[in-house]
Amino acid sequence: MTLSQLLKGVADYDLHGDDSVRISGLTCDSRKVTPGALFFALRGATVDGHRFIKTAVESGAAAVVLEDPACAPQGIPWVRVADGRAAMAQAAAEFHGHPTLALPLVGITGTNGKTTTTYLIEAILAAAGLPAAILGTISYRFGTTRIEASHTTPESTELQAAFRQLADAGAQAFVMEVSSHALEQKRVDGCHFDVGIFSNLTRDHLDYHKTMASYQESKLRLFSELLRPTALKPRRRAAINMDDPYGPAFAEQAACPVITYGVEFRGNVQAVDVVSSVDGLSGTLVTPEGTTTFTSRLVGRFNLSNILAAVSAGIALDLPLEAIRAGIEGHATVPGRMERVDNSHGITILVDYAHTGDALENVLSTLKELAGARIITVFGCGGDRDHGKRPIMGRTAAQMSDLAIATSDNPRTEEPSAILAQVRSGMTAPGIREYTPVELENNFTEKGFIMLENRREAIRLAVRLAQPGDIVLLAGKGHEDYQIIGTTKYHFDDREEAAQACAELED
């Protein structure tokens, strides 16, 4: 593709040099420049890409896109733009032939529930005869095609390349998790969304966004800007969770028609006569296209909300109600989301990704509602992330568990003991005892918590203390199969560790 062809997708640019030069690839990482590449010099939070223009040119860049003309290279074409990230997203979509223009694209944003909702929508689309590619926290995948990704929503160059690869593999629709970082950094600006879903907004990522208002604004971009109807995609829809306090604001600012849903809120999509148990959910779905009964193996109120979000997406895409029902009923478990670890000791061991105070509260509320057994919770808070949520998660775990074991969860470059000290500040409350390892040698007799830095030891302690009928919740890592200590990533999987702990009980 020539530079002039590529720039068709870019708004407001100033070209200097030969626009007939051929472009073989796009990147904003000077280390990944290959001969013929178009290099985007982006200003980051800590590094300014303009500093690496010389390196990119020496590596064979055919042209450079930049914001500061004072850094313009000599001897090759360069393009000045006002917003490098937006230009890169638009150019990436053009380079890969706008893969999301020809196929339906559903985007889900919110603090919690995104991954489960993508799996549900995938099942609904499959039941409707539209096999979908999924781009999310766990993987980018379609059939046997798997693409390694660096983020939930990657840089636009990586994202559009993934869309093209998945479409070429046979995908007939796309379902993607849309992170707040991606929206703020305009990684998804080249995407042609058909449906956008807002699940909820609770405290998370404030290490990046700083305030809840900023966090909210980043999420709103999907609805107020990227879902605006166009001549190429005139029929766009938003699905908004009106149970969430932020739901009305998202509905009000949406640039397209809105489908409302809620467990409590009586919106366009709702569920009535719901029966909830440890075995799952059942009830009747009420939609603008009619009603139908449903059953699901998913557990709890928060999963009912995820189901209603997926149903809303199906309605927005004009899928048959029967396919929507079949998808909900055919969906199995999501890796690392209330995932059971089988054992022969009569213990219910669940691994869940809950890594925010709200998510942890949702899971523990469900378990307390559905089971009369004791709950032992193992959890931690990630290092180099929002410090403010640490005491919140500590308080939630201590108050809602019979025994809470605070431990490490990707401490990264922070001292684990410092993280645990912040967690502990939320755990101390009247009537909640702090145990020592010696005191827990045999069992615990009253509600309490313990600080245990080593996650492997924490999981083994929880399994060893659990009695038949008890629930052990391993929260925070879910599907992750690693632990980041310092800057090194080590293999570590809560599911494997729990299985090994159970095996040791038999020795």
Foldseek 3Di string as FASTA:
>chain_A
DFQVLLCVQAPDKDKDDDRRQAADAEDQDLVPAAARHEHEQDDDPVDTSLVCPVSNVVRHHQEYEYQDCVSHDPDHMYMHDPARLQRRLRSLCSVLVNLQLQAAEEEEEEDDLQQVLLLLLQLLCVLLVFREFEQADQFTDGDPDTDDADHRQHALNVNSVSSSVNVVVPGRHYYGYQYLVCQVSVRCVSHQHQEYEYQEYDDFQCLPQVDSVSSVVSNLCCFQPRQAADPSRRQHEYEFEPVYPCRVVSCVRGNHHYFYEYAPDPTQWYFPPWDFACQFIWTKIHHPVGIDIATARDHFDSVRSSLRRSVVVCVSVVGDPVSSRSSRHPRDDDFQCQDFQDFDQQETEGGHQPAFLVSLLRVLVRCVVHAPAFEEEEDEHEAPTDLVRQLSNLLSQQVSGQEYEYEDAQNAQDDLVVRVVSNVVNNDDPQADEDDCVRPVAEDDGRYYYYDHDRLVVLLSQLRHDHNRYYYYYYNQGNDQWHHDHNDTHGHDSSVSNNVSSVVVVD
